[in-house]
Amino acid sequence: MYITRKDAIRAGIDELGIIPGSMGAKSHIVKGKGNPSSFCSCSHGAGRRMSRSKAKRHFSELDLEAQTEGIECGKDKGVIDEIPSAYKNIDIVMDNQSDLVEVVHTLRQFVCVKG
């Protein structure tokens, strides 16, 4: 059997992986639990809760500045579609896949480069 993962990473027993957050959310180093129900997979990030075009219409550069305060990153119209509020809450996503992975370490970025 071949497994193709779309929007997922391998999470075999003790297999290490990284699940990145958004521009303003933490990322996680994880260790897989090898759950056969998920084909030894887990999500590769929070996932969008809002389309790129909707985020561009809904948020301003001021919103982006506020949501990425303390993080060195682009804060212009060219990256508004990546605003943290356009993504699901990474803490909830991680809680929902606690049967798939164990969080080994949590990272908080201070620089984010898009492009």
Protein backbone atom coordinates (compact mmCIF):
# COMPACT_ATOMS: atom_id res chain seq x y z
CA MET A 1 0.00 0.00 0.00
CA TYR A 2 1.19 3.52 -0.79
CA ILE A 3 0.21 6.44 1.44
CA THR A 4 0.06 9.93 0.00
CA ARG A 5 -0.16 12.67 2.61
CA LYS A 6 -1.83 15.95 1.69
CA ASP A 7 -1.68 18.53 4.47
CA ALA A 8 -0.17 15.91 6.78
CA ILE A 9 3.18 14.58 7.96
CA ARG A 10 4.42 11.14 8.97
CA ALA A 11 3.84 10.32 12.63
CA GLY A 12 5.18 6.79 13.00
CA ILE A 13 6.20 5.48 16.42
CA ASP A 14 8.88 7.81 17.87
CA GLU A 15 9.25 9.56 14.50
CA LEU A 16 10.14 13.24 14.95
CA GLY A 17 8.44 16.01 12.99
CA ILE A 18 7.69 19.70 13.07
CA ILE A 19 4.25 21.26 12.99
CA PRO A 20 4.62 24.97 12.22
CA GLY A 21 2.24 27.63 13.44
CA SER A 22 1.26 30.80 11.61
CA MET A 23 3.28 34.03 11.49
CA GLY A 24 2.21 34.75 15.05
CA ALA A 25 1.66 31.31 16.55
CA LYS A 26 4.06 28.85 18.11
CA SER A 27 5.38 25.77 16.33
CA HIS A 28 5.82 22.28 17.75
CA ILE A 29 8.43 19.57 17.57
CA VAL A 30 6.49 16.32 17.88
CA LYS A 31 7.10 12.61 18.27
CA GLY A 32 4.70 10.29 16.47
CA LYS A 33 2.63 7.69 18.28
CA GLY A 34 2.15 5.47 15.24
CA ASN A 35 -1.64 5.55 15.36
CA PRO A 36 -2.83 3.09 12.69
CA SER A 37 -6.24 4.83 12.43
CA SER A 38 -4.47 7.84 10.92
CA PHE A 39 -2.09 5.74 8.81
CA CYS A 40 0.68 7.02 11.11
CA SER A 41 0.00 10.62 10.04
CA CYS A 42 -0.88 13.93 11.69
CA SER A 43 -1.66 17.45 10.51
CA HIS A 44 1.21 19.57 9.23
CA GLY A 45 -0.10 22.80 10.75
CA ALA A 46 -3.15 24.62 11.95
CA GLY A 47 -4.77 25.00 8.56
CA ARG A 48 -6.63 27.99 7.24
CA ARG A 49 -9.96 29.07 8.67
CA MET A 50 -10.27 31.85 6.11
CA SER A 51 -9.37 31.98 2.42
CA ARG A 52 -6.49 34.17 1.29
CA SER A 53 -8.81 36.51 -0.61
CA LYS A 54 -11.18 36.87 2.36
CA ALA A 55 -8.26 37.62 4.68
CA LYS A 56 -7.04 40.33 2.31
CA ARG A 57 -10.51 41.92 2.32
CA HIS A 58 -11.12 41.48 6.05
CA PHE A 59 -7.82 42.58 7.65
CA SER A 60 -5.65 45.69 7.45
CA GLU A 61 -1.95 46.33 7.86
CA LEU A 62 -2.73 47.63 11.36
CA ASP A 63 -4.34 44.27 12.22
CA LEU A 64 -1.25 42.49 10.93
CA GLU A 65 1.05 44.71 12.98
CA ALA A 66 -0.99 44.06 16.13
CA GLN A 67 -1.13 40.28 15.61
CA THR A 68 2.60 39.96 14.92
CA GLU A 69 3.82 42.36 17.59
CA GLY A 70 7.27 41.33 18.80
CA ILE A 71 7.95 39.27 15.67
CA GLU A 72 10.27 40.55 12.96
CA CYS A 73 8.38 39.98 9.72
CA GLY A 74 6.79 41.69 6.77
CA LYS A 75 3.84 43.76 7.88
CA ASP A 76 2.56 45.02 4.55
CA LYS A 77 -0.32 44.28 2.18
CA GLY A 78 1.74 41.58 0.47
CA VAL A 79 1.46 39.25 3.48
CA ILE A 80 -1.94 40.11 4.95
CA ASP A 81 -3.25 36.77 3.65
CA GLU A 82 -0.89 35.10 6.17
CA ILE A 83 -2.23 37.02 9.19
CA PRO A 84 -2.53 34.74 12.24
CA SER A 85 -6.31 35.19 12.45
CA ALA A 86 -6.70 33.58 9.02
CA TYR A 87 -5.56 30.29 10.59
CA LYS A 88 -7.12 27.90 13.09
CA ASN A 89 -5.92 28.02 16.68
CA ILE A 90 -2.79 25.83 16.80
CA ASP A 91 -3.38 24.91 20.47
CA ILE A 92 -6.79 23.42 19.65
CA VAL A 93 -5.36 21.60 16.63
CA MET A 94 -2.60 20.10 18.79
CA ASP A 95 -5.09 19.05 21.48
CA ASN A 96 -7.24 17.39 18.82
CA GLN A 97 -4.35 15.25 17.63
CA SER A 98 -2.92 14.24 21.00
CA ASP A 99 -3.68 10.61 20.08
CA LEU A 100 -1.39 10.98 17.04
CA VAL A 101 1.64 12.85 18.39
CA GLU A 102 3.35 13.86 21.60
CA VAL A 103 4.66 17.43 21.79
CA VAL A 104 8.37 17.23 22.58
CA HIS A 105 9.14 20.94 22.38
CA THR A 106 7.30 24.18 21.68
CA LEU A 107 8.95 26.97 19.69
CA ARG A 108 8.02 30.65 19.52
CA GLN A 109 9.39 32.44 16.51
CA PHE A 110 10.90 35.89 16.61
CA VAL A 111 11.55 36.14 12.85
CA CYS A 112 9.26 35.05 10.03
CA VAL A 113 10.27 35.27 6.37
CA LYS A 114 7.66 34.70 3.68
CA GLY A 115 8.71 34.21 0.12
